[in-house]
Protein backbone atom coordinates (compact mmCIF):
# COMPACT_ATOMS: atom_id res chain seq x y z
CA MET A 1 -0.09 -0.17 0.17
CA ARG A 2 1.71 3.12 -0.96
CA PHE A 3 0.66 6.52 0.94
CA VAL A 4 0.94 10.28 -1.05
CA LEU A 5 0.81 13.67 0.85
CA PRO A 6 -1.17 15.28 -1.97
CA HIS A 7 -1.22 18.90 -0.09
CA MET A 8 0.97 20.27 2.63
CA THR A 9 1.37 23.78 4.71
CA CYS A 10 3.62 25.52 7.08
CA ALA A 11 4.36 28.50 8.74
CA CYS A 12 8.12 29.11 10.69
CA ALA A 13 10.69 31.53 10.98
CA LEU A 14 11.65 31.85 7.10
CA GLY A 15 7.62 32.61 6.51
CA ARG A 16 3.66 32.36 6.98
CA THR A 17 3.09 30.25 4.11
CA PRO A 18 4.66 27.08 1.84
CA ALA A 19 5.34 29.91 -0.80
CA ASP A 20 6.97 32.18 1.66
CA VAL A 21 9.06 29.79 3.15
CA LEU A 22 10.21 28.12 -0.19
CA GLY A 23 10.93 31.90 -0.92
CA SER A 24 13.25 32.68 1.53
CA ARG A 25 15.09 29.44 1.04
CA ALA A 26 15.46 30.10 -2.68
CA ALA A 27 19.69 30.09 -2.42
CA PHE A 28 20.18 26.72 -4.06
CA GLY A 29 24.07 25.19 -4.94
CA ARG A 30 24.81 22.64 -7.15
CA GLY A 31 23.02 19.19 -7.93
CA GLY A 32 20.10 20.88 -6.44
CA ILE A 33 21.07 21.03 -2.52
CA PRO A 34 20.22 24.34 -1.02
CA SER A 35 23.38 26.02 -0.37
CA ALA A 36 24.06 30.14 0.35
CA LYS A 37 21.68 30.78 3.42
CA PRO A 38 20.65 34.43 4.15
CA ALA A 39 21.84 36.00 6.92
CA ALA A 40 18.70 35.57 8.47
CA ALA A 41 15.19 34.28 8.28
CA PRO A 42 12.41 37.05 8.26
CA GLY A 43 11.47 35.61 11.88
CA MET A 44 14.88 34.98 13.28
CA MET A 45 15.23 37.40 15.91
CA GLU A 46 16.86 38.17 19.16
CA ILE A 47 14.03 37.95 22.13
CA GLU A 48 14.37 39.22 25.75
CA GLY A 49 11.95 39.06 28.87
CA ASP A 50 11.66 35.45 28.30
CA ILE A 51 14.83 34.06 30.36
CA PRO A 52 15.58 36.63 33.27
CA GLY A 53 18.42 38.64 32.14
CA ARG A 54 19.13 37.24 29.13
CA ARG A 55 18.48 37.97 25.22
CA VAL A 56 18.31 35.18 23.14
CA PHE A 57 17.60 34.15 19.30
CA PHE A 58 14.66 32.59 18.90
CA GLY A 59 12.48 31.83 15.47
CA MET A 60 8.59 33.13 15.51
CA VAL A 61 6.37 32.88 12.63
CA PRO A 62 6.38 36.70 11.48
CA GLY A 63 3.55 38.64 10.79
CA GLU A 64 -0.03 38.62 13.49
CA LEU A 65 -1.80 35.27 13.78
CA PRO A 66 -5.63 34.98 14.08
CA SER A 67 -7.40 35.21 17.21
CA ILE A 68 -9.60 32.49 18.82
CA ALA A 69 -13.20 33.21 20.80
CA GLU A 70 -13.16 30.19 22.73
CA PRO A 71 -11.27 31.11 25.83
CA GLU A 72 -10.36 27.30 26.33
CA PHE A 73 -8.78 26.89 22.97
CA ASP A 74 -6.65 30.47 23.11
CA MET A 75 -3.00 29.56 23.16
CA ARG A 76 -0.37 30.47 20.44
CA THR A 77 0.30 26.50 19.58
CA ASN A 78 -3.82 26.83 18.34
CA ARG A 79 -3.37 29.74 16.71
CA LEU A 80 -0.40 28.49 14.47
CA LEU A 81 -2.75 25.65 13.47
CA LEU A 82 -5.92 27.64 12.82
CA HIS A 83 -3.61 30.31 10.41
CA ALA A 84 -2.57 26.84 9.12
CA VAL A 85 -6.06 25.76 8.60
CA ASN A 86 -7.13 28.56 6.76
CA GLY A 87 -4.08 28.29 4.30
CA LEU A 88 -5.20 24.94 3.10
CA ARG A 89 -8.84 25.11 4.10
CA ALA A 90 -10.09 24.36 0.48
CA GLU A 91 -8.19 21.29 -0.06
CA LEU A 92 -8.65 20.22 3.74
CA ASP A 93 -12.80 20.27 3.58
CA ALA A 94 -11.92 18.48 -0.06
CA LEU A 95 -10.51 15.61 1.55
CA CYS A 96 -13.11 15.14 4.38
CA VAL A 97 -16.10 14.89 1.79
CA ARG A 98 -13.98 12.81 -0.18
CA HIS A 99 -13.64 10.12 2.81
CA GLY A 100 -16.35 11.52 4.95
CA ARG A 101 -15.65 12.98 8.37
CA ASP A 102 -15.48 9.94 10.15
CA ARG A 103 -12.99 8.36 8.70
CA VAL A 104 -10.72 11.12 8.35
CA ALA A 105 -7.91 11.03 11.31
CA VAL A 106 -5.82 13.95 12.54
CA VAL A 107 -2.72 13.26 14.26
CA LEU A 108 -0.61 15.72 15.32
CA GLY A 109 3.10 15.90 16.90
CA ALA A 110 3.74 18.47 19.91
CA SER A 111 5.37 19.11 23.24
CA ASN A 112 4.16 22.46 24.59
CA THR A 113 0.61 22.98 24.10
CA GLY A 114 -0.81 25.85 26.33
CA ILE A 115 1.75 25.43 28.65
CA ASP A 116 3.03 29.08 28.30
CA GLU A 117 -0.52 30.70 28.53
CA ALA A 118 -0.99 28.45 31.42
CA GLN A 119 1.65 29.47 33.17
CA ARG A 120 0.92 33.33 32.92
CA HIS A 121 -2.13 32.26 34.34
CA VAL A 122 -0.86 30.65 37.27
CA ASP A 123 1.63 33.43 38.01
CA ARG A 124 -1.09 35.83 38.23
CA TRP A 125 -3.46 33.19 40.96
CA LEU A 126 -0.26 33.15 42.90
CA ASP A 127 -0.28 36.50 42.95
CA ALA A 128 -3.81 37.59 43.79
CA GLY A 129 -4.92 34.30 45.47
CA ALA A 130 -7.63 33.68 43.12
CA LYS A 131 -8.07 31.26 40.03
CA PRO A 132 -8.05 33.27 36.70
CA ALA A 133 -11.19 32.70 34.85
CA GLU A 134 -8.62 32.21 31.66
CA LEU A 135 -7.21 29.09 33.21
CA PHE A 136 -8.45 25.93 32.05
CA TYR A 137 -7.14 22.69 32.16
CA SER A 138 -6.99 22.08 28.56
CA GLN A 139 -4.17 24.11 27.88
CA ILE A 140 -1.81 22.17 29.84
CA GLU A 141 -3.17 18.60 27.80
CA LEU A 142 -1.19 17.33 25.14
CA GLY A 143 -4.24 16.34 23.49
CA THR A 144 -5.66 19.88 23.10
CA PRO A 145 -3.92 20.97 19.60
CA SER A 146 -5.75 17.79 17.90
CA ASP A 147 -8.95 18.09 19.59
CA TYR A 148 -8.66 21.85 18.47
CA LEU A 149 -8.21 20.67 14.85
CA ARG A 150 -10.78 18.03 14.48
CA ARG A 151 -13.20 20.48 15.88
CA LEU A 152 -12.23 23.14 12.96
CA LEU A 153 -12.21 20.06 10.67
CA GLY A 154 -15.73 18.84 11.99
CA THR A 155 -13.82 15.64 11.56
CA THR A 156 -15.02 12.61 14.06
CA GLY A 157 -12.50 9.89 13.51
CA PRO A 158 -9.45 9.54 15.69
CA ALA A 159 -7.83 12.39 16.90
CA TYR A 160 -4.70 12.44 19.34
CA THR A 161 -1.26 13.82 19.60
CA VAL A 162 1.66 11.87 19.90
CA SER A 163 4.58 13.86 22.19
CA THR A 164 7.88 12.43 22.26
CA ALA A 165 9.97 15.68 22.40
CA CYS A 166 11.92 16.66 19.50
CA SER A 167 10.83 13.38 17.31
CA SER A 168 6.57 13.90 18.13
CA SER A 169 5.83 15.36 14.77
CA ALA A 170 8.24 12.96 12.58
CA LYS A 171 6.96 10.05 14.63
CA ALA A 172 2.84 11.38 13.76
CA PHE A 173 3.77 10.15 9.91
CA SER A 174 4.16 6.78 10.93
CA ALA A 175 1.42 6.94 13.50
CA ALA A 176 -1.25 8.25 10.85
CA ARG A 177 -0.55 6.03 8.43
CA ARG A 178 -0.86 2.63 10.60
CA LEU A 179 -4.57 4.09 11.33
CA VAL A 180 -5.35 3.79 7.55
CA GLU A 181 -3.36 0.65 7.30
CA LEU A 182 -5.36 -1.19 9.86
CA GLY A 183 -8.62 0.40 8.05
CA VAL A 184 -9.54 2.72 11.52
CA ALA A 185 -9.46 5.55 8.96
CA ASP A 186 -9.54 6.51 5.23
CA ALA A 187 -7.00 9.69 5.44
CA ALA A 188 -5.61 11.26 7.90
CA VAL A 189 -4.44 15.21 8.93
CA VAL A 190 -0.67 14.45 9.92
CA GLY A 191 1.91 17.42 10.87
CA GLY A 192 2.87 19.47 14.01
CA VAL A 193 2.61 22.35 15.89
CA ASP A 194 4.67 24.26 18.87
CA GLY A 195 4.24 28.17 19.60
CA ARG A 196 7.13 30.13 21.84
CA CYS A 197 7.23 28.90 25.72
CA ARG A 198 8.81 30.49 28.61
CA PHE A 199 9.04 27.35 30.27
CA ALA A 200 10.59 25.56 27.19
CA LEU A 201 13.15 28.40 26.60
CA ASN A 202 14.25 28.31 30.65
CA GLY A 203 14.38 24.22 31.02
CA PHE A 204 17.08 24.21 27.73
CA HIS A 205 18.56 27.60 29.49
CA ALA A 206 18.63 25.18 32.56
CA LEU A 207 20.90 22.42 30.80
CA GLY A 208 23.26 25.13 29.47
CA ALA A 209 21.77 24.01 25.80
CA LEU A 210 21.19 27.72 24.10
CA ALA A 211 23.59 29.02 21.67
CA GLN A 212 25.19 32.85 22.97
CA GLY A 213 24.06 34.46 19.69
CA ARG A 214 23.11 32.37 16.37
CA CYS A 215 23.08 28.82 16.38
CA ARG A 216 25.79 27.20 14.22
CA PRO A 217 25.01 23.41 13.23
CA LEU A 218 27.88 21.79 12.16
CA ALA A 219 30.28 24.32 12.98
CA GLU A 220 33.32 23.11 14.81
CA ASP A 221 32.63 26.18 17.21
CA ARG A 222 29.00 25.68 18.05
CA ASP A 223 27.92 26.16 21.02
CA GLY A 224 24.47 25.12 21.23
CA ILE A 225 20.67 25.58 20.15
CA ASN A 226 18.20 28.49 19.11
CA LEU A 227 14.59 27.70 19.77
CA GLY A 228 11.66 28.41 17.53
CA GLU A 229 8.06 27.82 16.81
CA GLY A 230 6.04 26.42 13.77
CA VAL A 231 3.61 24.28 12.10
CA ALA A 232 3.07 21.89 9.44
CA LEU A 233 0.18 20.31 8.05
CA PHE A 234 0.02 17.73 5.42
CA THR A 235 -2.94 15.35 3.97
CA LEU A 236 -2.61 11.60 3.88
CA GLU A 237 -4.23 9.27 1.58
CA ARG A 238 -3.67 6.09 -0.07
CA ALA A 239 -1.96 6.73 -3.28
CA ASP A 240 -5.17 5.10 -5.64
CA ASP A 241 -7.48 7.19 -3.55
CA ALA A 242 -5.78 10.72 -3.86
CA PRO A 243 -6.73 12.61 -7.17
CA ALA A 244 -3.48 13.73 -8.89
CA VAL A 245 -2.34 17.10 -8.37
CA SER A 246 -1.86 18.78 -11.86
CA GLY A 247 1.56 20.78 -12.39
CA ARG A 248 3.80 19.65 -9.99
CA PRO A 249 4.96 15.75 -8.51
CA ARG A 250 3.43 13.84 -6.37
CA VAL A 251 5.46 13.70 -2.90
CA PHE A 252 4.80 9.93 -1.50
CA LEU A 253 5.41 9.12 2.44
CA ALA A 254 8.01 6.25 1.34
CA GLY A 255 9.03 5.57 4.38
CA CYS A 256 9.50 5.86 8.19
CA GLY A 257 11.86 4.39 10.66
CA GLU A 258 11.38 4.52 14.54
CA SER A 259 14.49 3.58 17.35
CA SER A 260 14.66 4.24 20.85
CA ASP A 261 18.42 3.91 22.05
CA ALA A 262 17.53 5.13 25.63
CA HIS A 263 20.84 6.32 26.05
CA HIS A 264 20.32 9.07 28.29
CA ALA A 265 17.35 11.67 29.79
CA THR A 266 18.69 14.47 27.90
CA ALA A 267 22.12 13.56 25.72
CA PRO A 268 22.60 11.22 22.71
CA ASP A 269 24.19 7.88 22.13
CA PRO A 270 27.46 9.70 21.51
CA GLU A 271 28.01 7.20 18.78
CA GLY A 272 24.53 7.44 16.91
CA ARG A 273 23.99 3.91 17.34
CA GLY A 274 19.86 4.61 17.53
CA ALA A 275 20.18 7.78 14.98
CA GLU A 276 21.43 5.13 12.69
CA ALA A 277 18.91 2.52 12.99
CA ALA A 278 16.02 4.68 12.33
CA MET A 279 17.54 6.04 9.28
CA ARG A 280 18.38 2.07 7.56
CA ALA A 281 15.11 1.67 8.83
CA ALA A 282 13.56 4.41 6.99
CA LEU A 283 15.52 3.12 3.65
CA ALA A 284 14.72 0.04 3.92
CA GLU A 285 10.97 0.31 3.90
CA ALA A 286 11.73 2.82 1.10
CA GLY A 287 13.23 0.50 -1.22
CA LEU A 288 16.15 2.93 -1.38
CA ALA A 289 19.97 2.20 -1.34
CA PRO A 290 22.01 4.95 0.65
CA ALA A 291 22.60 6.23 -3.06
CA ASP A 292 19.39 6.88 -4.07
CA LEU A 293 18.89 9.78 -1.24
CA GLY A 294 19.06 13.57 -3.24
CA TYR A 295 18.92 15.24 -0.10
CA LEU A 296 18.86 14.82 4.28
CA ASN A 297 17.30 17.70 6.28
CA LEU A 298 19.87 16.70 9.71
CA HIS A 299 18.25 17.12 13.22
CA GLY A 300 21.78 19.41 13.91
CA THR A 301 21.02 21.35 16.48
CA GLY A 302 23.96 22.70 16.97
CA THR A 303 24.62 21.36 20.44
CA GLN A 304 28.45 19.70 20.13
CA ALA A 305 26.75 16.14 21.42
CA ASN A 306 24.03 16.07 19.12
CA ASP A 307 25.79 17.00 15.40
CA ALA A 308 29.05 14.94 16.27
CA MET A 309 27.00 11.47 16.59
CA GLU A 310 24.68 12.21 14.03
CA MET A 311 27.63 12.92 11.65
CA LYS A 312 29.07 9.89 12.64
CA ALA A 313 25.75 7.69 12.11
CA VAL A 314 25.67 9.54 8.21
CA ARG A 315 28.99 8.54 7.73
CA ARG A 316 28.67 4.70 8.52
CA VAL A 317 25.24 5.00 6.49
CA PHE A 318 26.01 7.71 3.50
CA GLY A 319 29.43 7.55 3.44
CA ASP A 320 32.49 9.72 3.69
CA SER A 321 31.18 10.93 -0.05
CA PHE A 322 27.80 11.90 0.59
CA ARG A 323 27.31 15.97 0.86
CA ALA A 324 24.13 16.30 0.23
CA PHE A 325 22.94 17.04 3.70
CA GLU A 326 22.41 20.32 5.74
CA SER A 327 20.60 21.65 8.89
CA THR A 328 18.08 24.51 8.47
CA LYS A 329 17.95 24.84 12.55
CA ASP A 330 20.07 28.30 12.10
CA LEU A 331 17.17 29.83 9.56
CA THR A 332 14.14 28.21 12.09
CA GLY A 333 15.21 27.83 15.20
CA HIS A 334 14.10 24.31 16.88
CA CYS A 335 10.54 23.80 16.69
CA LEU A 336 11.08 21.26 19.16
CA GLY A 337 7.34 19.20 19.02
CA ALA A 338 6.89 21.00 15.37
CA ALA A 339 10.60 20.13 14.17
CA GLY A 340 9.78 16.95 12.35
CA ALA A 341 6.85 17.96 10.33
CA VAL A 342 8.61 21.64 9.59
CA GLU A 343 11.45 19.62 8.23
CA ALA A 344 9.61 17.12 6.26
CA ALA A 345 7.38 20.48 4.85
CA LEU A 346 11.02 21.64 3.83
CA CYS A 347 11.76 18.76 1.74
CA TRP A 348 8.11 18.67 0.25
CA LEU A 349 8.86 21.70 -0.66
CA TYR A 350 12.29 20.98 -2.61
CA LEU A 351 10.91 17.55 -4.04
CA SER A 352 7.42 19.55 -5.19
CA ALA A 353 9.57 22.17 -7.04
CA GLY A 354 12.08 20.04 -8.38
CA VAL A 355 15.43 21.56 -6.23
CA VAL A 356 16.05 17.80 -5.21
CA GLU A 357 15.25 14.45 -7.32
CA GLY A 358 14.44 11.01 -6.24
CA ALA A 359 13.68 11.17 -2.46
CA ALA A 360 14.61 13.21 0.49
CA MET A 361 15.28 12.05 4.34
CA SER A 362 14.12 14.38 7.49
CA ASN A 363 16.00 13.37 10.93
CA SER A 364 14.44 14.05 14.15
CA PHE A 365 16.03 13.13 17.68
CA ALA A 366 14.47 13.33 21.23
CA PHE A 367 15.08 13.32 24.62
CA GLY A 368 15.09 9.86 26.19
CA GLY A 369 17.01 8.26 22.92
CA SER A 370 13.72 8.51 20.75
CA ASN A 371 14.64 8.56 16.84
CA ALA A 372 12.92 9.32 14.06
CA SER A 373 13.55 9.03 10.04
CA VAL A 374 11.13 10.24 7.73
CA VAL A 375 11.41 9.79 3.77
CA LEU A 376 9.31 11.15 1.34
CA ALA A 377 9.95 10.49 -2.79
CA ALA A 378 9.12 12.35 -5.66
CA GLU A 379 7.27 10.61 -8.87
CA ALA A 380 6.08 13.14 -11.92
CA VAL A 381 2.18 12.29 -12.75
CA ALA A 382 1.53 13.13 -16.35
């Protein structure tokens, strides 16, 4: 059974729409691999106030986000989702009509949900001694983004959130596909979302993992990460069920690879054995040899430990001569639970635009040794 990802929308520090994102990332080198990077993405900016006494770079989605009238759902994560749905409404509605709203699943990856809003309301509670009316427990429930998206679309199929830190929305692809394979659903809306969050920023600050300035993935003097926010949504269907989209190649979900090495609560296995296993599993499921891959979007956080282990694993899988890789986290920030979907969206854009031919892979690695690799493949249609 083959699965296609006919439609996609995304927003991150590179832009508010897929066209904006691709336009901001429009400098491509020989062989179709992105090379020269702009000095800064539109939404990559210094922020202050989230970490006491410190300014840090953060990847914000530029511009205003739509408002949400229902107070229990009014959080930045859901505003990002609403923005994404507004940009893909016709395609999402067509998906639901084609399969029936009871047969469309919603699977998202997320890690922050509404923790930022809840924390601010709890601060007010502690100061005033009374619970604010704006505080809802749904703001800290991991399932809330999926529930909100289900309500926006009017679907009644399965709807849930995968939350495995930075691998969340990469793992959402295999989770959504399984629902269709098992006959629980006939199609899915799959992706990831995470918004700006003081709790996450302070957590990485406490770990000593934040870069002093702009992050520099793969550089010898790299000193940590920049965080970011983002959203990406895809429609997922069986290839035989999805109508062709004229004017661009079809993009298939060709392979998913997952592993759990459980090396450490926060540090990666220095040898990258779990990362290697995930990449090999994704290639095997896609029926591809390493030499068939046209592009690899690394997890590439900019920390010494992550980048070193990932490159060890990449060399073992692809060989020392493989150069079709990059990290884009210096342009988007690390979008945490949304990172896998946002970086898969970049692969989707490169394949759809013909910038990368054949197949592209996106890596996502998380705390606790949760590893996921996703392979997308392009196939032209008449």
